[in-house]
Amino acid sequence: MQVAVGKPAPDLFEFAAKSMLADNRKCIVIEDSVSGILAANAARMYAVGFVGGSHGSDELAQRLSAANAKVVIDRMDKLLKIIDAFLARK
């Protein structure tokens, strides 16, 4: 076991960033669960909600938004614009 506590605790995302020598605030997390969005936010990462999977729905999109996903997408081809905007912020 590499982390003691699972989502919604930030441990997993913090471990991943540390393993890659990355600054948490420069990381984007794509998540399809409320607990994942909460974990990403707790780790101070940019949380993107994804509802394009077989379990995606309008209700899930609302729950991910309510959990403070910065944006919610239903197709991965929308991700490039999000990454470009993320990289362009100051």
N, C-alpha and C. Protein backbone atom coordinates (compact mmCIF):
# COMPACT_ATOMS: atom_id res chain seq x y z
N MET A 1 0.84 -1.17 0.00
CA MET A 1 0.00 0.00 0.00
C MET A 1 0.90 1.25 0.00
N GLN A 2 0.64 2.14 -0.96
CA GLN A 2 1.50 3.32 -1.08
C GLN A 2 0.93 4.56 -0.39
N VAL A 3 -0.38 4.56 -0.12
CA VAL A 3 -0.99 5.64 0.64
C VAL A 3 -1.88 5.03 1.72
N ALA A 4 -1.94 5.71 2.85
CA ALA A 4 -2.69 5.17 3.98
C ALA A 4 -4.19 5.40 3.85
N VAL A 5 -4.57 6.50 3.21
CA VAL A 5 -5.97 6.89 3.15
C VAL A 5 -6.36 7.12 1.69
N GLY A 6 -7.50 6.57 1.29
CA GLY A 6 -7.99 6.74 -0.08
C GLY A 6 -8.80 8.01 -0.26
N LYS A 7 -9.31 8.20 -1.47
CA LYS A 7 -10.16 9.34 -1.77
C LYS A 7 -11.38 9.31 -0.85
N PRO A 8 -11.84 10.44 -0.40
CA PRO A 8 -11.57 11.80 -0.82
C PRO A 8 -10.37 12.48 -0.16
N ALA A 9 -9.58 11.75 0.59
CA ALA A 9 -8.33 12.32 1.11
C ALA A 9 -7.39 12.59 -0.07
N PRO A 10 -6.53 13.57 0.03
CA PRO A 10 -5.64 13.94 -1.08
C PRO A 10 -4.42 13.04 -1.23
N ASP A 11 -4.24 12.07 -0.35
CA ASP A 11 -3.00 11.28 -0.28
C ASP A 11 -2.56 10.70 -1.62
N LEU A 12 -3.48 10.09 -2.36
CA LEU A 12 -3.12 9.45 -3.63
C LEU A 12 -2.58 10.45 -4.63
N PHE A 13 -3.25 11.58 -4.78
CA PHE A 13 -2.81 12.59 -5.73
C PHE A 13 -1.51 13.25 -5.27
N GLU A 14 -1.36 13.47 -3.99
CA GLU A 14 -0.12 14.04 -3.48
C GLU A 14 1.04 13.07 -3.70
N PHE A 15 0.80 11.79 -3.50
CA PHE A 15 1.82 10.77 -3.74
C PHE A 15 2.23 10.76 -5.21
N ALA A 16 1.25 10.81 -6.10
CA ALA A 16 1.55 10.80 -7.54
C ALA A 16 2.37 12.01 -7.94
N ALA A 17 1.98 13.20 -7.46
CA ALA A 17 2.73 14.41 -7.79
C ALA A 17 4.15 14.34 -7.25
N LYS A 18 4.29 13.92 -6.01
CA LYS A 18 5.62 13.82 -5.40
C LYS A 18 6.48 12.82 -6.17
N SER A 19 5.89 11.71 -6.60
CA SER A 19 6.62 10.69 -7.35
C SER A 19 7.15 11.23 -8.68
N MET A 20 6.42 12.20 -9.25
CA MET A 20 6.82 12.79 -10.53
C MET A 20 7.54 14.12 -10.35
N LEU A 21 7.85 14.47 -9.09
CA LEU A 21 8.51 15.74 -8.77
C LEU A 21 7.73 16.93 -9.32
N ALA A 22 6.40 16.85 -9.23
CA ALA A 22 5.53 17.89 -9.77
C ALA A 22 4.94 18.73 -8.63
N ASP A 23 4.76 20.01 -8.91
CA ASP A 23 4.07 20.91 -7.99
C ASP A 23 2.57 20.62 -8.10
N ASN A 24 1.93 20.35 -6.99
CA ASN A 24 0.50 20.04 -7.00
C ASN A 24 -0.32 21.08 -7.76
N ARG A 25 0.03 22.35 -7.59
CA ARG A 25 -0.75 23.42 -8.23
C ARG A 25 -0.58 23.46 -9.73
N LYS A 26 0.34 22.66 -10.25
CA LYS A 26 0.54 22.58 -11.69
C LYS A 26 0.02 21.27 -12.28
N CYS A 27 -0.80 20.57 -11.50
CA CYS A 27 -1.35 19.28 -11.92
C CYS A 27 -2.83 19.41 -12.27
N ILE A 28 -3.23 18.67 -13.29
CA ILE A 28 -4.64 18.55 -13.67
C ILE A 28 -5.08 17.12 -13.35
N VAL A 29 -6.21 17.00 -12.70
CA VAL A 29 -6.79 15.70 -12.39
C VAL A 29 -8.11 15.58 -13.15
N ILE A 30 -8.28 14.49 -13.88
CA ILE A 30 -9.55 14.22 -14.56
C ILE A 30 -10.22 13.11 -13.77
N GLU A 31 -11.41 13.40 -13.25
CA GLU A 31 -12.09 12.47 -12.35
C GLU A 31 -13.55 12.30 -12.72
N ASP A 32 -14.05 11.10 -12.49
CA ASP A 32 -15.46 10.82 -12.76
C ASP A 32 -16.23 10.50 -11.47
N SER A 33 -15.66 10.91 -10.33
CA SER A 33 -16.34 10.67 -9.06
C SER A 33 -16.23 11.90 -8.17
N VAL A 34 -17.22 12.06 -7.33
CA VAL A 34 -17.21 13.17 -6.37
C VAL A 34 -16.02 13.04 -5.44
N SER A 35 -15.75 11.83 -4.96
CA SER A 35 -14.62 11.66 -4.04
C SER A 35 -13.30 12.02 -4.72
N GLY A 36 -13.18 11.75 -6.00
CA GLY A 36 -11.97 12.12 -6.73
C GLY A 36 -11.82 13.63 -6.89
N ILE A 37 -12.93 14.31 -7.17
CA ILE A 37 -12.90 15.78 -7.26
C ILE A 37 -12.53 16.38 -5.91
N LEU A 38 -13.12 15.86 -4.84
CA LEU A 38 -12.79 16.36 -3.51
C LEU A 38 -11.32 16.13 -3.18
N ALA A 39 -10.79 14.97 -3.55
CA ALA A 39 -9.38 14.66 -3.30
C ALA A 39 -8.47 15.58 -4.10
N ALA A 40 -8.80 15.81 -5.35
CA ALA A 40 -7.99 16.71 -6.19
C ALA A 40 -7.97 18.12 -5.61
N ASN A 41 -9.13 18.60 -5.20
CA ASN A 41 -9.20 19.93 -4.60
C ASN A 41 -8.40 19.99 -3.30
N ALA A 42 -8.51 18.96 -2.49
CA ALA A 42 -7.77 18.93 -1.22
C ALA A 42 -6.26 18.92 -1.46
N ALA A 43 -5.85 18.35 -2.60
CA ALA A 43 -4.43 18.32 -2.96
C ALA A 43 -4.01 19.61 -3.68
N ARG A 44 -4.93 20.55 -3.82
CA ARG A 44 -4.67 21.82 -4.51
C ARG A 44 -4.34 21.62 -5.98
N MET A 45 -5.02 20.68 -6.61
CA MET A 45 -4.85 20.41 -8.03
C MET A 45 -6.08 20.89 -8.79
N TYR A 46 -5.93 21.08 -10.09
CA TYR A 46 -7.02 21.55 -10.95
C TYR A 46 -7.91 20.36 -11.29
N ALA A 47 -9.11 20.37 -10.77
CA ALA A 47 -10.02 19.22 -10.89
C ALA A 47 -10.97 19.38 -12.07
N VAL A 48 -10.91 18.42 -12.99
CA VAL A 48 -11.80 18.38 -14.15
C VAL A 48 -12.73 17.18 -13.98
N GLY A 49 -14.02 17.43 -14.01
CA GLY A 49 -14.99 16.35 -13.93
C GLY A 49 -15.22 15.74 -15.31
N PHE A 50 -15.37 14.43 -15.35
CA PHE A 50 -15.61 13.73 -16.62
C PHE A 50 -16.87 12.88 -16.50
N VAL A 51 -17.81 13.11 -17.41
CA VAL A 51 -19.07 12.36 -17.40
C VAL A 51 -19.31 11.64 -18.72
N GLY A 52 -18.27 11.35 -19.45
CA GLY A 52 -18.40 10.71 -20.75
C GLY A 52 -18.43 9.20 -20.70
N GLY A 53 -18.22 8.61 -19.52
CA GLY A 53 -18.23 7.16 -19.40
C GLY A 53 -19.64 6.62 -19.38
N SER A 54 -19.75 5.31 -19.31
CA SER A 54 -21.06 4.66 -19.35
C SER A 54 -21.94 5.04 -18.17
N HIS A 55 -21.35 5.48 -17.08
CA HIS A 55 -22.13 5.89 -15.90
C HIS A 55 -22.36 7.40 -15.85
N GLY A 56 -21.91 8.12 -16.86
CA GLY A 56 -22.08 9.57 -16.89
C GLY A 56 -23.53 9.95 -17.07
N SER A 57 -23.91 11.07 -16.45
CA SER A 57 -25.29 11.55 -16.53
C SER A 57 -25.30 13.04 -16.18
N ASP A 58 -26.44 13.67 -16.45
CA ASP A 58 -26.60 15.07 -16.05
C ASP A 58 -26.51 15.20 -14.53
N GLU A 59 -27.06 14.21 -13.83
CA GLU A 59 -27.03 14.24 -12.36
C GLU A 59 -25.59 14.15 -11.85
N LEU A 60 -24.77 13.29 -12.47
CA LEU A 60 -23.37 13.20 -12.08
C LEU A 60 -22.65 14.51 -12.38
N ALA A 61 -22.92 15.10 -13.52
CA ALA A 61 -22.31 16.39 -13.86
C ALA A 61 -22.62 17.44 -12.80
N GLN A 62 -23.86 17.47 -12.33
CA GLN A 62 -24.25 18.42 -11.29
C GLN A 62 -23.52 18.13 -9.99
N ARG A 63 -23.38 16.85 -9.65
CA ARG A 63 -22.68 16.49 -8.41
C ARG A 63 -21.20 16.84 -8.48
N LEU A 64 -20.57 16.63 -9.64
CA LEU A 64 -19.16 16.98 -9.80
C LEU A 64 -18.97 18.49 -9.72
N SER A 65 -19.88 19.24 -10.32
CA SER A 65 -19.83 20.70 -10.22
C SER A 65 -20.01 21.16 -8.79
N ALA A 66 -20.94 20.55 -8.08
CA ALA A 66 -21.19 20.91 -6.69
C ALA A 66 -19.98 20.59 -5.80
N ALA A 67 -19.19 19.60 -6.21
CA ALA A 67 -17.97 19.24 -5.47
C ALA A 67 -16.81 20.14 -5.85
N ASN A 68 -17.06 21.14 -6.67
CA ASN A 68 -16.09 22.15 -7.10
C ASN A 68 -15.13 21.69 -8.18
N ALA A 69 -15.62 20.86 -9.11
CA ALA A 69 -14.85 20.62 -10.32
C ALA A 69 -14.75 21.96 -11.04
N LYS A 70 -13.57 22.29 -11.54
CA LYS A 70 -13.39 23.58 -12.22
C LYS A 70 -14.21 23.62 -13.50
N VAL A 71 -14.32 22.47 -14.14
CA VAL A 71 -15.10 22.32 -15.36
C VAL A 71 -15.52 20.86 -15.44
N VAL A 72 -16.63 20.60 -16.12
CA VAL A 72 -17.09 19.23 -16.33
C VAL A 72 -17.22 19.02 -17.83
N ILE A 73 -16.64 17.93 -18.30
CA ILE A 73 -16.68 17.62 -19.73
C ILE A 73 -17.32 16.25 -19.95
N ASP A 74 -17.84 16.07 -21.17
CA ASP A 74 -18.45 14.79 -21.51
C ASP A 74 -17.71 14.07 -22.63
N ARG A 75 -16.66 14.73 -23.15
CA ARG A 75 -15.85 14.12 -24.21
C ARG A 75 -14.39 14.52 -24.00
N MET A 76 -13.51 13.57 -24.19
CA MET A 76 -12.08 13.84 -23.99
C MET A 76 -11.50 14.81 -25.02
N ASP A 77 -12.15 14.94 -26.17
CA ASP A 77 -11.61 15.88 -27.15
C ASP A 77 -11.74 17.33 -26.68
N LYS A 78 -12.49 17.58 -25.62
CA LYS A 78 -12.59 18.91 -25.03
C LYS A 78 -11.42 19.21 -24.09
N LEU A 79 -10.65 18.21 -23.78
CA LEU A 79 -9.59 18.36 -22.79
C LEU A 79 -8.45 19.25 -23.27
N LEU A 80 -8.12 19.24 -24.55
CA LEU A 80 -7.01 20.06 -25.05
C LEU A 80 -7.23 21.55 -24.76
N LYS A 81 -8.44 22.04 -24.97
CA LYS A 81 -8.73 23.45 -24.68
C LYS A 81 -8.56 23.75 -23.19
N ILE A 82 -8.97 22.82 -22.37
CA ILE A 82 -8.84 23.00 -20.92
C ILE A 82 -7.37 23.05 -20.52
N ILE A 83 -6.58 22.16 -21.09
CA ILE A 83 -5.14 22.14 -20.79
C ILE A 83 -4.49 23.43 -21.28
N ASP A 84 -4.83 23.87 -22.49
CA ASP A 84 -4.28 25.13 -23.01
C ASP A 84 -4.62 26.30 -22.10
N ALA A 85 -5.86 26.38 -21.65
CA ALA A 85 -6.27 27.47 -20.75
C ALA A 85 -5.55 27.37 -19.42
N PHE A 86 -5.40 26.16 -18.92
CA PHE A 86 -4.70 25.94 -17.65
C PHE A 86 -3.25 26.41 -17.76
N LEU A 87 -2.59 26.06 -18.84
CA LEU A 87 -1.19 26.44 -19.04
C LEU A 87 -1.02 27.94 -19.27
N ALA A 88 -2.05 28.58 -19.80
CA ALA A 88 -1.97 30.01 -20.10
C ALA A 88 -2.23 30.89 -18.88
N ARG A 89 -2.79 30.32 -17.82
CA ARG A 89 -3.09 31.14 -16.64
C ARG A 89 -1.81 31.56 -15.93
N LYS A 90 -1.92 32.65 -15.23
CA LYS A 90 -0.74 33.18 -14.54
C LYS A 90 -0.91 33.12 -13.06
